[in-house]
Amino acid sequence: DQMLVTLNWMLEYRTLLRDEPQKAQEMLKAWHAG
């Protein structure tokens, strides 16, 4: 289940990076802050 959480996060990030790079950067910043 934890692996799936991580994979889902990675997938969401990479999809955003492709489609909406600004949102991807915000997501990455939020992850680093957390």
All heavy atoms as atom14 arrays in JSON, in Angstrom:
{
  "sequence": "DQMLVTLNWMLEYRTLLRDEPQKAQEMLKAWHAG",
  "atom14_mask": [
    [1, 1, 1, 1, 1, 1, 1, 1, 0, 0, 0, 0, 0, 0],
    [1, 1, 1, 1, 1, 1, 1, 1, 1, 0, 0, 0, 0, 0],
    [1, 1, 1, 1, 1, 1, 1, 1, 0, 0, 0, 0, 0, 0],
    [1, 1, 1, 1, 1, 1, 1, 1, 0, 0, 0, 0, 0, 0],
    [1, 1, 1, 1, 1, 1, 1, 0, 0, 0, 0, 0, 0, 0],
    [1, 1, 1, 1, 1, 1, 1, 0, 0, 0, 0, 0, 0, 0],
    [1, 1, 1, 1, 1, 1, 1, 1, 0, 0, 0, 0, 0, 0],
    [1, 1, 1, 1, 1, 1, 1, 1, 0, 0, 0, 0, 0, 0],
    [1, 1, 1, 1, 1, 1, 1, 1, 1, 1, 1, 1, 1, 1],
    [1, 1, 1, 1, 1, 1, 1, 1, 0, 0, 0, 0, 0, 0],
    [1, 1, 1, 1, 1, 1, 1, 1, 0, 0, 0, 0, 0, 0],
    [1, 1, 1, 1, 1, 1, 1, 1, 1, 0, 0, 0, 0, 0],
    [1, 1, 1, 1, 1, 1, 1, 1, 1, 1, 1, 1, 0, 0],
    [1, 1, 1, 1, 1, 1, 1, 1, 1, 1, 1, 0, 0, 0],
    [1, 1, 1, 1, 1, 1, 1, 0, 0, 0, 0, 0, 0, 0],
    [1, 1, 1, 1, 1, 1, 1, 1, 0, 0, 0, 0, 0, 0],
    [1, 1, 1, 1, 1, 1, 1, 1, 0, 0, 0, 0, 0, 0],
    [1, 1, 1, 1, 1, 1, 1, 1, 1, 1, 1, 0, 0, 0],
    [1, 1, 1, 1, 1, 1, 1, 1, 0, 0, 0, 0, 0, 0],
    [1, 1, 1, 1, 1, 1, 1, 1, 1, 0, 0, 0, 0, 0],
    [1, 1, 1, 1, 1, 1, 1, 0, 0, 0, 0, 0, 0, 0],
    [1, 1, 1, 1, 1, 1, 1, 1, 1, 0, 0, 0, 0, 0],
    [1, 1, 1, 1, 1, 1, 1, 1, 1, 0, 0, 0, 0, 0],
    [1, 1, 1, 1, 1, 0, 0, 0, 0, 0, 0, 0, 0, 0],
    [1, 1, 1, 1, 1, 1, 1, 1, 1, 0, 0, 0, 0, 0],
    [1, 1, 1, 1, 1, 1, 1, 1, 1, 0, 0, 0, 0, 0],
    [1, 1, 1, 1, 1, 1, 1, 1, 0, 0, 0, 0, 0, 0],
    [1, 1, 1, 1, 1, 1, 1, 1, 0, 0, 0, 0, 0, 0],
    [1, 1, 1, 1, 1, 1, 1, 1, 1, 0, 0, 0, 0, 0],
    [1, 1, 1, 1, 1, 0, 0, 0, 0, 0, 0, 0, 0, 0],
    [1, 1, 1, 1, 1, 1, 1, 1, 1, 1, 1, 1, 1, 1],
    [1, 1, 1, 1, 1, 1, 1, 1, 1, 1, 0, 0, 0, 0],
    [1, 1, 1, 1, 1, 0, 0, 0, 0, 0, 0, 0, 0, 0],
    [1, 1, 1, 1, 0, 0, 0, 0, 0, 0, 0, 0, 0, 0]
  ],
  "atom14_positions": [
    [[0.84, -1.2, 0.0], [0.0, 0.0, 0.0], [0.88, 1.25, 0.0], [0.59, 2.22, -0.72], [-0.95, 0.0, 1.21], [-2.1, -0.99, 1.07], [-2.34, -1.49, -0.05], [-2.75, -1.27, 2.1], [0.0, 0.0, 0.0], [0.0, 0.0, 0.0], [0.0, 0.0, 0.0], [0.0, 0.0, 0.0], [0.0, 0.0, 0.0], [0.0, 0.0, 0.0]],
    [[1.95, 1.25, 0.79], [2.86, 2.4, 0.82], [3.57, 2.57, -0.53], [3.76, 3.68, -1.0], [3.88, 2.26, 1.95], [4.73, 3.49, 2.13], [3.9, 4.77, 2.34], [3.02, 4.82, 3.18], [4.17, 5.79, 1.55], [0.0, 0.0, 0.0], [0.0, 0.0, 0.0], [0.0, 0.0, 0.0], [0.0, 0.0, 0.0], [0.0, 0.0, 0.0]],
    [[3.94, 1.45, -1.14], [4.57, 1.52, -2.47], [3.61, 2.14, -3.47], [4.02, 2.96, -4.31], [4.97, 0.12, -2.94], [6.14, -0.47, -2.24], [6.43, -2.12, -2.93], [7.34, -2.86, -1.6], [0.0, 0.0, 0.0], [0.0, 0.0, 0.0], [0.0, 0.0, 0.0], [0.0, 0.0, 0.0], [0.0, 0.0, 0.0], [0.0, 0.0, 0.0]],
    [[2.34, 1.78, -3.38], [1.34, 2.34, -4.3], [1.16, 3.84, -4.07], [1.01, 4.6, -5.03], [0.0, 1.61, -4.14], [-0.06, 0.22, -4.78], [-1.34, -0.5, -4.37], [0.05, 0.31, -6.29], [0.0, 0.0, 0.0], [0.0, 0.0, 0.0], [0.0, 0.0, 0.0], [0.0, 0.0, 0.0], [0.0, 0.0, 0.0], [0.0, 0.0, 0.0]],
    [[1.19, 4.28, -2.82], [1.1, 5.71, -2.53], [2.25, 6.44, -3.21], [2.06, 7.47, -3.87], [1.09, 5.97, -1.0], [1.34, 7.43, -0.68], [-0.22, 5.51, -0.39], [0.0, 0.0, 0.0], [0.0, 0.0, 0.0], [0.0, 0.0, 0.0], [0.0, 0.0, 0.0], [0.0, 0.0, 0.0], [0.0, 0.0, 0.0], [0.0, 0.0, 0.0]],
    [[3.45, 5.9, -3.06], [4.63, 6.53, -3.67], [4.54, 6.52, -5.19], [4.81, 7.54, -5.85], [5.91, 5.81, -3.21], [5.98, 5.87, -1.79], [7.15, 6.43, -3.82], [0.0, 0.0, 0.0], [0.0, 0.0, 0.0], [0.0, 0.0, 0.0], [0.0, 0.0, 0.0], [0.0, 0.0, 0.0], [0.0, 0.0, 0.0], [0.0, 0.0, 0.0]],
    [[4.15, 5.4, -5.76], [4.02, 5.32, -7.22], [2.95, 6.27, -7.75], [3.14, 6.91, -8.79], [3.72, 3.89, -7.65], [4.91, 2.93, -7.58], [4.44, 1.49, -7.75], [5.97, 3.28, -8.62], [0.0, 0.0, 0.0], [0.0, 0.0, 0.0], [0.0, 0.0, 0.0], [0.0, 0.0, 0.0], [0.0, 0.0, 0.0], [0.0, 0.0, 0.0]],
    [[1.84, 6.38, -7.04], [0.78, 7.31, -7.45], [1.28, 8.76, -7.41], [0.98, 9.55, -8.31], [-0.47, 7.14, -6.6], [-1.25, 5.9, -6.97], [-1.23, 5.46, -8.12], [-1.92, 5.31, -6.0], [0.0, 0.0, 0.0], [0.0, 0.0, 0.0], [0.0, 0.0, 0.0], [0.0, 0.0, 0.0], [0.0, 0.0, 0.0], [0.0, 0.0, 0.0]],
    [[2.05, 9.09, -6.38], [2.62, 10.43, -6.28], [3.56, 10.68, -7.46], [3.5, 11.72, -8.11], [3.38, 10.61, -4.95], [3.86, 12.01, -4.77], [3.21, 13.02, -4.12], [5.07, 12.59, -5.28], [3.95, 14.18, -4.19], [5.1, 13.94, -4.9], [6.14, 12.09, -6.02], [6.15, 14.8, -5.23], [7.18, 12.93, -6.35], [7.18, 14.28, -5.96]],
    [[4.42, 9.7, -7.73], [5.38, 9.84, -8.83], [4.66, 10.01, -10.17], [5.06, 10.84, -11.01], [6.32, 8.63, -8.89], [7.26, 8.54, -7.7], [8.1, 6.93, -7.58], [9.1, 6.94, -9.06], [0.0, 0.0, 0.0], [0.0, 0.0, 0.0], [0.0, 0.0, 0.0], [0.0, 0.0, 0.0], [0.0, 0.0, 0.0], [0.0, 0.0, 0.0]],
    [[3.62, 9.23, -10.37], [2.86, 9.31, -11.61], [2.19, 10.68, -11.74], [2.24, 11.31, -12.81], [1.82, 8.19, -11.66], [0.96, 8.1, -12.91], [1.82, 7.9, -14.16], [-0.05, 6.98, -12.77], [0.0, 0.0, 0.0], [0.0, 0.0, 0.0], [0.0, 0.0, 0.0], [0.0, 0.0, 0.0], [0.0, 0.0, 0.0], [0.0, 0.0, 0.0]],
    [[1.56, 11.13, -10.66], [0.92, 12.43, -10.7], [1.94, 13.53, -10.99], [1.72, 14.42, -11.82], [0.21, 12.71, -9.37], [-0.55, 14.02, -9.37], [-1.24, 14.3, -8.03], [-1.24, 13.42, -7.14], [-1.77, 15.42, -7.89], [0.0, 0.0, 0.0], [0.0, 0.0, 0.0], [0.0, 0.0, 0.0], [0.0, 0.0, 0.0], [0.0, 0.0, 0.0]],
    [[3.09, 13.47, -10.32], [4.13, 14.47, -10.52], [4.62, 14.47, -11.97], [4.71, 15.53, -12.61], [5.29, 14.23, -9.56], [6.49, 15.1, -9.85], [6.47, 16.46, -9.53], [7.61, 14.58, -10.48], [7.55, 17.28, -9.82], [8.7, 15.39, -10.77], [8.67, 16.74, -10.44], [9.73, 17.54, -10.73], [0.0, 0.0, 0.0], [0.0, 0.0, 0.0]],
    [[4.94, 13.3, -12.48], [5.46, 13.21, -13.86], [4.42, 13.64, -14.9], [4.76, 14.25, -15.91], [5.97, 11.8, -14.15], [7.28, 11.49, -13.48], [8.35, 12.36, -14.07], [9.56, 12.32, -13.28], [10.7, 12.85, -13.65], [10.8, 13.44, -14.82], [11.76, 12.79, -12.88], [0.0, 0.0, 0.0], [0.0, 0.0, 0.0], [0.0, 0.0, 0.0]],
    [[3.17, 13.34, -14.66], [2.11, 13.76, -15.57], [1.98, 15.29, -15.54], [1.86, 15.94, -16.59], [0.77, 13.08, -15.2], [0.96, 11.67, -15.23], [-0.32, 13.46, -16.18], [0.0, 0.0, 0.0], [0.0, 0.0, 0.0], [0.0, 0.0, 0.0], [0.0, 0.0, 0.0], [0.0, 0.0, 0.0], [0.0, 0.0, 0.0], [0.0, 0.0, 0.0]],
    [[2.02, 15.85, -14.35], [1.97, 17.31, -14.23], [3.21, 17.96, -14.86], [3.1, 18.99, -15.52], [1.87, 17.74, -12.77], [0.49, 17.66, -12.13], [0.58, 17.97, -10.63], [-0.51, 18.58, -12.81], [0.0, 0.0, 0.0], [0.0, 0.0, 0.0], [0.0, 0.0, 0.0], [0.0, 0.0, 0.0], [0.0, 0.0, 0.0], [0.0, 0.0, 0.0]],
    [[4.35, 17.35, -14.67], [5.58, 17.88, -15.24], [5.47, 17.97, -16.77], [5.93, 18.93, -17.38], [6.76, 16.99, -14.84], [8.16, 17.53, -15.07], [8.37, 18.84, -14.32], [9.2, 16.5, -14.64], [0.0, 0.0, 0.0], [0.0, 0.0, 0.0], [0.0, 0.0, 0.0], [0.0, 0.0, 0.0], [0.0, 0.0, 0.0], [0.0, 0.0, 0.0]],
    [[4.81, 17.0, -17.35], [4.6, 17.0, -18.8], [3.54, 18.01, -19.21], [3.73, 18.75, -20.19], [4.16, 15.59, -19.24], [3.92, 15.46, -20.74], [3.22, 14.17, -21.1], [1.88, 14.19, -20.5], [1.16, 13.09, -20.27], [1.64, 11.9, -20.53], [-0.05, 13.19, -19.76], [0.0, 0.0, 0.0], [0.0, 0.0, 0.0], [0.0, 0.0, 0.0]],
    [[2.44, 18.08, -18.46], [1.28, 18.86, -18.88], [1.21, 20.25, -18.25], [0.75, 21.19, -18.9], [-0.02, 18.1, -18.55], [-0.1, 16.76, -19.26], [0.58, 16.58, -20.29], [-0.84, 15.89, -18.76], [0.0, 0.0, 0.0], [0.0, 0.0, 0.0], [0.0, 0.0, 0.0], [0.0, 0.0, 0.0], [0.0, 0.0, 0.0], [0.0, 0.0, 0.0]],
    [[1.59, 20.35, -17.0], [1.5, 21.62, -16.28], [2.72, 21.77, -15.37], [2.64, 21.58, -14.16], [0.22, 21.66, -15.44], [-1.06, 21.52, -16.26], [-2.29, 21.54, -15.38], [-2.5, 22.56, -14.7], [-3.02, 20.53, -15.37], [0.0, 0.0, 0.0], [0.0, 0.0, 0.0], [0.0, 0.0, 0.0], [0.0, 0.0, 0.0], [0.0, 0.0, 0.0]],
    [[3.87, 22.14, -15.96], [5.13, 22.18, -15.2], [5.08, 23.04, -13.94], [5.7, 22.69, -12.93], [6.14, 22.74, -16.2], [5.54, 22.48, -17.54], [4.06, 22.47, -17.36], [0.0, 0.0, 0.0], [0.0, 0.0, 0.0], [0.0, 0.0, 0.0], [0.0, 0.0, 0.0], [0.0, 0.0, 0.0], [0.0, 0.0, 0.0], [0.0, 0.0, 0.0]],
    [[4.33, 24.14, -13.97], [4.25, 25.0, -12.79], [3.61, 24.25, -11.61], [4.08, 24.31, -10.48], [3.48, 26.29, -13.11], [3.42, 27.28, -11.96], [4.81, 27.72, -11.48], [5.72, 27.93, -12.28], [4.97, 27.83, -10.18], [0.0, 0.0, 0.0], [0.0, 0.0, 0.0], [0.0, 0.0, 0.0], [0.0, 0.0, 0.0], [0.0, 0.0, 0.0]],
    [[2.52, 23.52, -11.9], [1.86, 22.75, -10.84], [2.78, 21.63, -10.32], [2.78, 21.32, -9.13], [0.54, 22.15, -11.34], [-0.58, 23.16, -11.42], [-1.89, 22.47, -11.74], [-3.02, 23.5, -11.78], [-4.3, 22.88, -12.09], [0.0, 0.0, 0.0], [0.0, 0.0, 0.0], [0.0, 0.0, 0.0], [0.0, 0.0, 0.0], [0.0, 0.0, 0.0]],
    [[3.57, 21.08, -11.23], [4.51, 20.03, -10.83], [5.54, 20.59, -9.85], [5.87, 19.95, -8.85], [5.2, 19.43, -12.05], [0.0, 0.0, 0.0], [0.0, 0.0, 0.0], [0.0, 0.0, 0.0], [0.0, 0.0, 0.0], [0.0, 0.0, 0.0], [0.0, 0.0, 0.0], [0.0, 0.0, 0.0], [0.0, 0.0, 0.0], [0.0, 0.0, 0.0]],
    [[6.04, 21.79, -10.14], [7.0, 22.44, -9.24], [6.39, 22.7, -7.87], [7.03, 22.51, -6.84], [7.54, 23.73, -9.86], [8.46, 23.5, -11.06], [9.63, 22.58, -10.72], [10.27, 22.72, -9.68], [9.89, 21.61, -11.59], [0.0, 0.0, 0.0], [0.0, 0.0, 0.0], [0.0, 0.0, 0.0], [0.0, 0.0, 0.0], [0.0, 0.0, 0.0]],
    [[5.13, 23.14, -7.85], [4.44, 23.39, -6.59], [4.28, 22.08, -5.8], [4.45, 22.06, -4.58], [3.07, 24.03, -6.85], [3.16, 25.45, -7.4], [1.81, 25.96, -7.92], [0.77, 25.31, -7.67], [1.83, 27.01, -8.6], [0.0, 0.0, 0.0], [0.0, 0.0, 0.0], [0.0, 0.0, 0.0], [0.0, 0.0, 0.0], [0.0, 0.0, 0.0]],
    [[3.95, 21.02, -6.53], [3.79, 19.72, -5.89], [5.11, 19.26, -5.28], [5.15, 18.74, -4.16], [3.3, 18.71, -6.94], [2.99, 17.34, -6.41], [2.4, 16.28, -7.75], [2.31, 14.74, -6.91], [0.0, 0.0, 0.0], [0.0, 0.0, 0.0], [0.0, 0.0, 0.0], [0.0, 0.0, 0.0], [0.0, 0.0, 0.0], [0.0, 0.0, 0.0]],
    [[6.2, 19.47, -6.01], [7.51, 19.07, -5.53], [7.92, 19.89, -4.31], [8.45, 19.34, -3.34], [8.54, 19.23, -6.66], [9.92, 18.62, -6.42], [9.82, 17.13, -6.12], [10.82, 18.86, -7.62], [0.0, 0.0, 0.0], [0.0, 0.0, 0.0], [0.0, 0.0, 0.0], [0.0, 0.0, 0.0], [0.0, 0.0, 0.0], [0.0, 0.0, 0.0]],
    [[7.64, 21.17, -4.34], [7.94, 22.03, -3.19], [7.15, 21.57, -1.96], [7.69, 21.52, -0.85], [7.62, 23.5, -3.5], [8.63, 24.18, -4.39], [8.21, 25.62, -4.66], [9.12, 26.23, -5.69], [8.67, 27.58, -6.08], [0.0, 0.0, 0.0], [0.0, 0.0, 0.0], [0.0, 0.0, 0.0], [0.0, 0.0, 0.0], [0.0, 0.0, 0.0]],
    [[5.9, 21.25, -2.16], [5.06, 20.79, -1.05], [5.6, 19.47, -0.48], [5.63, 19.28, 0.74], [3.61, 20.61, -1.52], [0.0, 0.0, 0.0], [0.0, 0.0, 0.0], [0.0, 0.0, 0.0], [0.0, 0.0, 0.0], [0.0, 0.0, 0.0], [0.0, 0.0, 0.0], [0.0, 0.0, 0.0], [0.0, 0.0, 0.0], [0.0, 0.0, 0.0]],
    [[6.06, 18.62, -1.34], [6.63, 17.34, -0.9], [7.89, 17.57, -0.08], [8.07, 16.99, 0.97], [6.9, 16.44, -2.11], [7.51, 15.13, -1.71], [6.85, 14.05, -1.16], [8.88, 14.75, -1.78], [7.74, 13.04, -0.91], [9.01, 13.43, -1.3], [10.03, 15.39, -2.24], [10.2, 12.76, -1.23], [11.22, 14.72, -2.18], [11.31, 13.4, -1.67]],
    [[8.79, 18.44, -0.6], [10.02, 18.75, 0.14], [9.71, 19.38, 1.49], [10.37, 19.08, 2.48], [10.94, 19.68, -0.68], [11.7, 18.95, -1.76], [12.59, 17.95, -1.48], [11.68, 19.08, -3.1], [13.12, 17.5, -2.6], [12.57, 18.16, -3.61], [0.0, 0.0, 0.0], [0.0, 0.0, 0.0], [0.0, 0.0, 0.0], [0.0, 0.0, 0.0]],
    [[8.73, 20.26, 1.53], [8.36, 20.9, 2.79], [7.82, 19.87, 3.78], [8.13, 19.93, 4.97], [7.31, 21.99, 2.53], [0.0, 0.0, 0.0], [0.0, 0.0, 0.0], [0.0, 0.0, 0.0], [0.0, 0.0, 0.0], [0.0, 0.0, 0.0], [0.0, 0.0, 0.0], [0.0, 0.0, 0.0], [0.0, 0.0, 0.0], [0.0, 0.0, 0.0]],
    [[7.06, 18.91, 3.26], [6.5, 17.86, 4.12], [7.53, 16.86, 4.58], [7.44, 16.33, 5.69], [0.0, 0.0, 0.0], [0.0, 0.0, 0.0], [0.0, 0.0, 0.0], [0.0, 0.0, 0.0], [0.0, 0.0, 0.0], [0.0, 0.0, 0.0], [0.0, 0.0, 0.0], [0.0, 0.0, 0.0], [0.0, 0.0, 0.0], [0.0, 0.0, 0.0]]
  ]
}
